[in-house]
Amino acid sequence: MTYLLGEKLHFDWKVVTITIASTLLLMVDYYHKLTTHKYWDRVILYLIVPLIIIILIFRENPRQYGFTFGDWKIGLLLTAIGILLMAPIIYYLGHGNPSMQDYYKPYVAGLPWTTFLDLIGWEFFFRGWILFGYARKFGPEALWLQAVPFALAHIGKPEVETLSTIFGGFAFGWVAYRTKSFVWPFLIHWFIATFIIIVSAGLI
């Protein structure tokens, strides 16, 4: 609770914590290199740190933030549908867009584990911690709220990809919201990231 120009304001301290911490974590990721590989940085910043906050500060079970398989039957179905829908789109973009090829070719080494490590924390951060943390306060509006920082975090990547991320972020969020789990959007995203690198590198 605080006062501003005589008006009493009430804040949900967990929403405030998630908002400030997630913003700072994104900035640290952008400006600093903590380990020898960026994907390890993202495991630390986007998976381990939020889990520490959930367990030690919020005193909650990570399952409440999508750290579970949730409705795994629907999750498997949506994952399969997502992969089938995205595969031809990725194939077209990877072969037909020089900016995608120039950006992603250097990332071939270490696949698929580099993309696994890069995205496991990334997806928990957006589709677990932020999505379910906000959903308690804002309900389904959290689907759009988490998609905004997700899209902004793509700035610097190929334009065609970045422009789509507000909608892709919503779609990933919806899968997590529907299944109560970040695992299934993670699997879809893992496939997308791995496949776009393979296609862009001309391996298929």
C-alpha atoms as a PDB file:
ATOM      1  CA  MET A   1       0.000   0.000   0.000  1.00  0.00           C
ATOM      2  CA  THR A   2       1.280   3.450  -0.827  1.00  0.00           C
ATOM      3  CA  TYR A   3       0.048   6.979  -1.446  1.00  0.00           C
ATOM      4  CA  LEU A   4       0.359   9.046  -4.603  1.00  0.00           C
ATOM      5  CA  LEU A   5      -1.079  12.575  -4.756  1.00  0.00           C
ATOM      6  CA  GLY A   6      -3.459  11.694  -1.959  1.00  0.00           C
ATOM      7  CA  GLU A   7      -4.761   8.538  -3.649  1.00  0.00           C
ATOM      8  CA  LYS A   8      -4.378   5.240  -1.852  1.00  0.00           C
ATOM      9  CA  LEU A   9      -2.892   2.531  -4.042  1.00  0.00           C
ATOM     10  CA  HIS A  10      -2.866  -1.180  -3.309  1.00  0.00           C
ATOM     11  CA  PHE A  11      -0.316  -3.491  -4.896  1.00  0.00           C
ATOM     12  CA  ASP A  12      -0.080  -7.253  -4.977  1.00  0.00           C
ATOM     13  CA  TRP A  13       3.478  -7.729  -3.707  1.00  0.00           C
ATOM     14  CA  LYS A  14       3.980 -10.944  -5.655  1.00  0.00           C
ATOM     15  CA  VAL A  15       2.948  -9.294  -8.930  1.00  0.00           C
ATOM     16  CA  VAL A  16       5.297  -6.418  -8.139  1.00  0.00           C
ATOM     17  CA  THR A  17       8.119  -8.853  -7.359  1.00  0.00           C
ATOM     18  CA  ILE A  18       7.557 -10.815 -10.572  1.00  0.00           C
ATOM     19  CA  THR A  19       7.413  -7.624 -12.643  1.00  0.00           C
ATOM     20  CA  ILE A  20      10.567  -6.051 -11.221  1.00  0.00           C
ATOM     21  CA  ALA A  21      12.587  -9.262 -11.018  1.00  0.00           C
ATOM     22  CA  SER A  22      11.685 -10.415 -14.529  1.00  0.00           C
ATOM     23  CA  THR A  23      12.573  -7.007 -15.988  1.00  0.00           C
ATOM     24  CA  LEU A  24      15.948  -6.981 -14.215  1.00  0.00           C
ATOM     25  CA  LEU A  25      16.694 -10.568 -15.239  1.00  0.00           C
ATOM     26  CA  LEU A  26      16.049  -9.738 -18.892  1.00  0.00           C
ATOM     27  CA  MET A  27      18.393  -6.755 -18.615  1.00  0.00           C
ATOM     28  CA  VAL A  28      21.127  -8.791 -16.933  1.00  0.00           C
ATOM     29  CA  ASP A  29      20.846 -11.387 -19.700  1.00  0.00           C
ATOM     30  CA  TYR A  30      21.208  -8.666 -22.337  1.00  0.00           C
ATOM     31  CA  TYR A  31      24.118  -6.773 -20.808  1.00  0.00           C
ATOM     32  CA  HIS A  32      26.163  -9.480 -19.090  1.00  0.00           C
ATOM     33  CA  LYS A  33      27.683 -12.886 -19.689  1.00  0.00           C
ATOM     34  CA  LEU A  34      27.729 -14.915 -16.493  1.00  0.00           C
ATOM     35  CA  THR A  35      29.181 -18.190 -17.762  1.00  0.00           C
ATOM     36  CA  THR A  36      31.115 -19.474 -20.763  1.00  0.00           C
ATOM     37  CA  HIS A  37      27.901 -20.117 -22.713  1.00  0.00           C
ATOM     38  CA  LYS A  38      24.790 -17.963 -22.998  1.00  0.00           C
ATOM     39  CA  TYR A  39      22.483 -20.941 -22.670  1.00  0.00           C
ATOM     40  CA  TRP A  40      23.837 -21.669 -19.174  1.00  0.00           C
ATOM     41  CA  ASP A  41      23.203 -18.023 -18.282  1.00  0.00           C
ATOM     42  CA  ARG A  42      19.581 -18.499 -19.260  1.00  0.00           C
ATOM     43  CA  VAL A  43      19.203 -21.642 -17.190  1.00  0.00           C
ATOM     44  CA  ILE A  44      20.417 -19.643 -14.187  1.00  0.00           C
ATOM     45  CA  LEU A  45      18.512 -16.411 -14.854  1.00  0.00           C
ATOM     46  CA  TYR A  46      15.234 -17.775 -16.190  1.00  0.00           C
ATOM     47  CA  LEU A  47      14.861 -21.102 -14.392  1.00  0.00           C
ATOM     48  CA  ILE A  48      16.920 -21.239 -11.204  1.00  0.00           C
ATOM     49  CA  VAL A  49      16.396 -17.648 -10.004  1.00  0.00           C
ATOM     50  CA  PRO A  50      12.590 -17.699 -10.453  1.00  0.00           C
ATOM     51  CA  LEU A  51      12.415 -21.089  -8.710  1.00  0.00           C
ATOM     52  CA  ILE A  52      14.413 -19.703  -5.790  1.00  0.00           C
ATOM     53  CA  ILE A  53      12.035 -16.740  -5.537  1.00  0.00           C
ATOM     54  CA  ILE A  54       8.970 -19.004  -5.705  1.00  0.00           C
ATOM     55  CA  ILE A  55      10.244 -21.443  -3.076  1.00  0.00           C
ATOM     56  CA  LEU A  56      12.157 -19.202  -0.652  1.00  0.00           C
ATOM     57  CA  ILE A  57      10.393 -15.834  -0.953  1.00  0.00           C
ATOM     58  CA  PHE A  58       6.848 -16.669  -2.059  1.00  0.00           C
ATOM     59  CA  ARG A  59       6.872 -19.914  -0.033  1.00  0.00           C
ATOM     60  CA  GLU A  60       4.922 -21.671  -2.753  1.00  0.00           C
ATOM     61  CA  ASN A  61       5.070 -24.892  -4.740  1.00  0.00           C
ATOM     62  CA  PRO A  62       6.519 -24.443  -8.263  1.00  0.00           C
ATOM     63  CA  ARG A  63       3.640 -26.584  -9.528  1.00  0.00           C
ATOM     64  CA  GLN A  64       1.442 -23.524  -9.045  1.00  0.00           C
ATOM     65  CA  TYR A  65       3.585 -21.826 -11.691  1.00  0.00           C
ATOM     66  CA  GLY A  66       3.291 -24.542 -14.304  1.00  0.00           C
ATOM     67  CA  PHE A  67       6.275 -26.597 -13.131  1.00  0.00           C
ATOM     68  CA  THR A  68       4.401 -29.833 -13.764  1.00  0.00           C
ATOM     69  CA  PHE A  69       3.193 -31.939 -16.677  1.00  0.00           C
ATOM     70  CA  GLY A  70      -0.350 -30.716 -16.004  1.00  0.00           C
ATOM     71  CA  ASP A  71      -2.972 -32.093 -18.374  1.00  0.00           C
ATOM     72  CA  TRP A  72      -0.451 -34.227 -20.248  1.00  0.00           C
ATOM     73  CA  LYS A  73      -2.939 -35.808 -22.649  1.00  0.00           C
ATOM     74  CA  ILE A  74      -4.022 -32.426 -24.014  1.00  0.00           C
ATOM     75  CA  GLY A  75      -0.393 -31.325 -23.800  1.00  0.00           C
ATOM     76  CA  LEU A  76       0.775 -34.128 -26.082  1.00  0.00           C
ATOM     77  CA  LEU A  77      -2.010 -33.396 -28.549  1.00  0.00           C
ATOM     78  CA  LEU A  78      -1.320 -29.655 -28.673  1.00  0.00           C
ATOM     79  CA  THR A  79       2.409 -30.277 -28.990  1.00  0.00           C
ATOM     80  CA  ALA A  80       1.873 -32.582 -31.960  1.00  0.00           C
ATOM     81  CA  ILE A  81      -0.495 -30.100 -33.611  1.00  0.00           C
ATOM     82  CA  GLY A  82       1.912 -27.223 -32.991  1.00  0.00           C
ATOM     83  CA  ILE A  83       4.829 -29.105 -34.542  1.00  0.00           C
ATOM     84  CA  LEU A  84       2.800 -30.171 -37.579  1.00  0.00           C
ATOM     85  CA  LEU A  85       1.559 -26.623 -38.164  1.00  0.00           C
ATOM     86  CA  MET A  86       4.930 -24.928 -37.699  1.00  0.00           C
ATOM     87  CA  ALA A  87       7.174 -27.342 -39.618  1.00  0.00           C
ATOM     88  CA  PRO A  88       6.188 -26.206 -43.154  1.00  0.00           C
ATOM     89  CA  ILE A  89       6.223 -22.526 -42.141  1.00  0.00           C
ATOM     90  CA  ILE A  90       9.720 -22.864 -40.691  1.00  0.00           C
ATOM     91  CA  TYR A  91      10.914 -24.767 -43.746  1.00  0.00           C
ATOM     92  CA  TYR A  92       9.698 -21.989 -46.022  1.00  0.00           C
ATOM     93  CA  LEU A  93      11.173 -19.191 -43.908  1.00  0.00           C
ATOM     94  CA  GLY A  94      14.475 -20.969 -43.420  1.00  0.00           C
ATOM     95  CA  HIS A  95      14.982 -21.490 -47.140  1.00  0.00           C
ATOM     96  CA  GLY A  96      13.491 -18.263 -48.399  1.00  0.00           C
ATOM     97  CA  ASN A  97      14.779 -15.601 -46.037  1.00  0.00           C
ATOM     98  CA  PRO A  98      18.492 -14.631 -46.149  1.00  0.00           C
ATOM     99  CA  SER A  99      18.264 -12.788 -42.823  1.00  0.00           C
ATOM    100  CA  MET A 100      17.127 -16.000 -41.122  1.00  0.00           C
ATOM    101  CA  GLN A 101      19.958 -17.933 -42.747  1.00  0.00           C
ATOM    102  CA  ASP A 102      22.623 -15.397 -41.772  1.00  0.00           C
ATOM    103  CA  TYR A 103      21.377 -15.201 -38.195  1.00  0.00           C
ATOM    104  CA  TYR A 104      20.903 -18.898 -37.441  1.00  0.00           C
ATOM    105  CA  LYS A 105      23.689 -20.700 -39.332  1.00  0.00           C
ATOM    106  CA  PRO A 106      26.272 -20.140 -36.553  1.00  0.00           C
ATOM    107  CA  TYR A 107      24.073 -21.963 -34.029  1.00  0.00           C
ATOM    108  CA  VAL A 108      24.324 -25.434 -35.582  1.00  0.00           C
ATOM    109  CA  ALA A 109      27.025 -26.699 -33.231  1.00  0.00           C
ATOM    110  CA  GLY A 110      25.684 -28.529 -30.192  1.00  0.00           C
ATOM    111  CA  LEU A 111      22.148 -29.120 -31.415  1.00  0.00           C
ATOM    112  CA  PRO A 112      19.705 -30.111 -30.028  1.00  0.00           C
ATOM    113  CA  TRP A 113      21.039 -29.643 -26.491  1.00  0.00           C
ATOM    114  CA  THR A 114      22.023 -26.017 -26.947  1.00  0.00           C
ATOM    115  CA  THR A 115      18.459 -25.109 -27.842  1.00  0.00           C
ATOM    116  CA  PHE A 116      17.160 -27.304 -25.014  1.00  0.00           C
ATOM    117  CA  LEU A 117      19.232 -25.431 -22.430  1.00  0.00           C
ATOM    118  CA  ASP A 118      18.539 -22.066 -24.029  1.00  0.00           C
ATOM    119  CA  LEU A 119      14.768 -22.546 -23.949  1.00  0.00           C
ATOM    120  CA  ILE A 120      13.998 -24.607 -20.834  1.00  0.00           C
ATOM    121  CA  GLY A 121      14.491 -21.566 -18.612  1.00  0.00           C
ATOM    122  CA  TRP A 122      13.115 -19.148 -21.225  1.00  0.00           C
ATOM    123  CA  GLU A 123       9.800 -20.991 -21.377  1.00  0.00           C
ATOM    124  CA  PHE A 124       9.475 -21.392 -17.624  1.00  0.00           C
ATOM    125  CA  PHE A 125      10.207 -17.680 -17.237  1.00  0.00           C
ATOM    126  CA  PHE A 126       7.428 -16.537 -19.597  1.00  0.00           C
ATOM    127  CA  ARG A 127       4.961 -19.446 -19.669  1.00  0.00           C
ATOM    128  CA  GLY A 128       5.394 -20.475 -16.049  1.00  0.00           C
ATOM    129  CA  TRP A 129       6.528 -17.795 -13.643  1.00  0.00           C
ATOM    130  CA  ILE A 130       5.142 -14.674 -15.352  1.00  0.00           C
ATOM    131  CA  LEU A 131       2.031 -16.259 -16.893  1.00  0.00           C
ATOM    132  CA  PHE A 132       0.715 -18.050 -13.821  1.00  0.00           C
ATOM    133  CA  GLY A 133       1.921 -15.337 -11.450  1.00  0.00           C
ATOM    134  CA  TYR A 134      -0.047 -12.742 -13.402  1.00  0.00           C
ATOM    135  CA  ALA A 135      -3.030 -15.021 -14.042  1.00  0.00           C
ATOM    136  CA  ARG A 136      -3.909 -15.027 -10.344  1.00  0.00           C
ATOM    137  CA  LYS A 137      -4.416 -11.280 -10.483  1.00  0.00           C
ATOM    138  CA  PHE A 138      -5.436 -10.635 -14.099  1.00  0.00           C
ATOM    139  CA  GLY A 139      -6.950 -13.940 -15.250  1.00  0.00           C
ATOM    140  CA  PRO A 140      -6.733 -14.687 -18.992  1.00  0.00           C
ATOM    141  CA  GLU A 141      -5.348 -11.179 -19.632  1.00  0.00           C
ATOM    142  CA  ALA A 142      -2.049 -12.657 -18.455  1.00  0.00           C
ATOM    143  CA  LEU A 143      -1.796 -14.376 -21.838  1.00  0.00           C
ATOM    144  CA  TRP A 144      -1.213 -10.998 -23.513  1.00  0.00           C
ATOM    145  CA  LEU A 145       0.747  -9.516 -20.627  1.00  0.00           C
ATOM    146  CA  GLN A 146       3.429 -12.213 -20.776  1.00  0.00           C
ATOM    147  CA  ALA A 147       3.562 -12.004 -24.578  1.00  0.00           C
ATOM    148  CA  VAL A 148       4.737  -8.363 -24.502  1.00  0.00           C
ATOM    149  CA  PRO A 149       8.130  -8.828 -22.787  1.00  0.00           C
ATOM    150  CA  PHE A 150       8.541 -12.060 -24.759  1.00  0.00           C
ATOM    151  CA  ALA A 151       8.178 -10.142 -28.031  1.00  0.00           C
ATOM    152  CA  LEU A 152      10.437  -7.294 -26.905  1.00  0.00           C
ATOM    153  CA  ALA A 153      13.124  -9.796 -25.913  1.00  0.00           C
ATOM    154  CA  HIS A 154      13.298 -10.855 -29.586  1.00  0.00           C
ATOM    155  CA  ILE A 155      14.390  -7.440 -30.817  1.00  0.00           C
ATOM    156  CA  GLY A 156      17.668  -7.944 -32.670  1.00  0.00           C
ATOM    157  CA  LYS A 157      16.557 -11.198 -34.248  1.00  0.00           C
ATOM    158  CA  PRO A 158      15.352 -11.322 -37.897  1.00  0.00           C
ATOM    159  CA  GLU A 159      12.432  -8.934 -38.407  1.00  0.00           C
ATOM    160  CA  VAL A 160      10.036 -11.533 -39.806  1.00  0.00           C
ATOM    161  CA  GLU A 161      10.480 -13.595 -36.648  1.00  0.00           C
ATOM    162  CA  THR A 162      10.277 -10.683 -34.209  1.00  0.00           C
ATOM    163  CA  LEU A 163       7.061  -9.335 -35.736  1.00  0.00           C
ATOM    164  CA  SER A 164       5.362 -12.678 -35.178  1.00  0.00           C
ATOM    165  CA  THR A 165       6.352 -13.126 -31.554  1.00  0.00           C
ATOM    166  CA  ILE A 166       3.507 -11.177 -29.959  1.00  0.00           C
ATOM    167  CA  PHE A 167       1.156 -13.733 -31.507  1.00  0.00           C
ATOM    168  CA  GLY A 168       3.510 -16.664 -30.978  1.00  0.00           C
ATOM    169  CA  GLY A 169       3.944 -15.640 -27.356  1.00  0.00           C
ATOM    170  CA  PHE A 170       0.185 -15.584 -26.906  1.00  0.00           C
ATOM    171  CA  ALA A 171      -0.119 -19.031 -28.532  1.00  0.00           C
ATOM    172  CA  PHE A 172       2.592 -20.511 -26.322  1.00  0.00           C
ATOM    173  CA  GLY A 173       0.901 -18.916 -23.341  1.00  0.00           C
ATOM    174  CA  TRP A 174      -2.456 -20.364 -24.293  1.00  0.00           C
ATOM    175  CA  VAL A 175      -0.977 -23.875 -24.476  1.00  0.00           C
ATOM    176  CA  ALA A 176       0.518 -23.424 -21.013  1.00  0.00           C
ATOM    177  CA  TYR A 177      -2.701 -21.913 -19.649  1.00  0.00           C
ATOM    178  CA  ARG A 178      -4.796 -24.736 -21.117  1.00  0.00           C
ATOM    179  CA  THR A 179      -2.555 -27.517 -19.834  1.00  0.00           C
ATOM    180  CA  LYS A 180      -1.460 -25.783 -16.587  1.00  0.00           C
ATOM    181  CA  SER A 181       2.119 -26.548 -17.591  1.00  0.00           C
ATOM    182  CA  PHE A 182       5.038 -24.768 -19.246  1.00  0.00           C
ATOM    183  CA  VAL A 183       6.398 -28.121 -20.502  1.00  0.00           C
ATOM    184  CA  TRP A 184       4.267 -28.325 -23.645  1.00  0.00           C
ATOM    185  CA  PRO A 185       4.993 -24.859 -25.068  1.00  0.00           C
ATOM    186  CA  PHE A 186       8.632 -25.570 -24.232  1.00  0.00           C
ATOM    187  CA  LEU A 187       8.593 -28.718 -26.372  1.00  0.00           C
ATOM    188  CA  ILE A 188       6.970 -26.846 -29.266  1.00  0.00           C
ATOM    189  CA  HIS A 189       9.436 -23.985 -28.951  1.00  0.00           C
ATOM    190  CA  TRP A 190      12.370 -26.419 -28.703  1.00  0.00           C
ATOM    191  CA  PHE A 191      11.313 -28.017 -31.965  1.00  0.00           C
ATOM    192  CA  ILE A 192      10.836 -24.643 -33.670  1.00  0.00           C
ATOM    193  CA  ALA A 193      14.237 -23.300 -32.580  1.00  0.00           C
ATOM    194  CA  THR A 194      16.083 -26.495 -33.478  1.00  0.00           C
ATOM    195  CA  PHE A 195      14.365 -26.938 -36.828  1.00  0.00           C
ATOM    196  CA  ILE A 196      14.867 -23.329 -37.935  1.00  0.00           C
ATOM    197  CA  ILE A 197      18.610 -23.624 -37.278  1.00  0.00           C
ATOM    198  CA  ILE A 198      18.820 -26.897 -39.196  1.00  0.00           C
ATOM    199  CA  VAL A 199      16.873 -25.501 -42.146  1.00  0.00           C
ATOM    200  CA  SER A 200      18.704 -22.165 -42.165  1.00  0.00           C
ATOM    201  CA  ALA A 201      22.044 -23.982 -42.186  1.00  0.00           C
ATOM    202  CA  GLY A 202      20.959 -25.906 -45.286  1.00  0.00           C
ATOM    203  CA  LEU A 203      21.172 -29.296 -43.571  1.00  0.00           C
ATOM    204  CA  ILE A 204      17.792 -30.275 -45.040  1.00  0.00           C
END
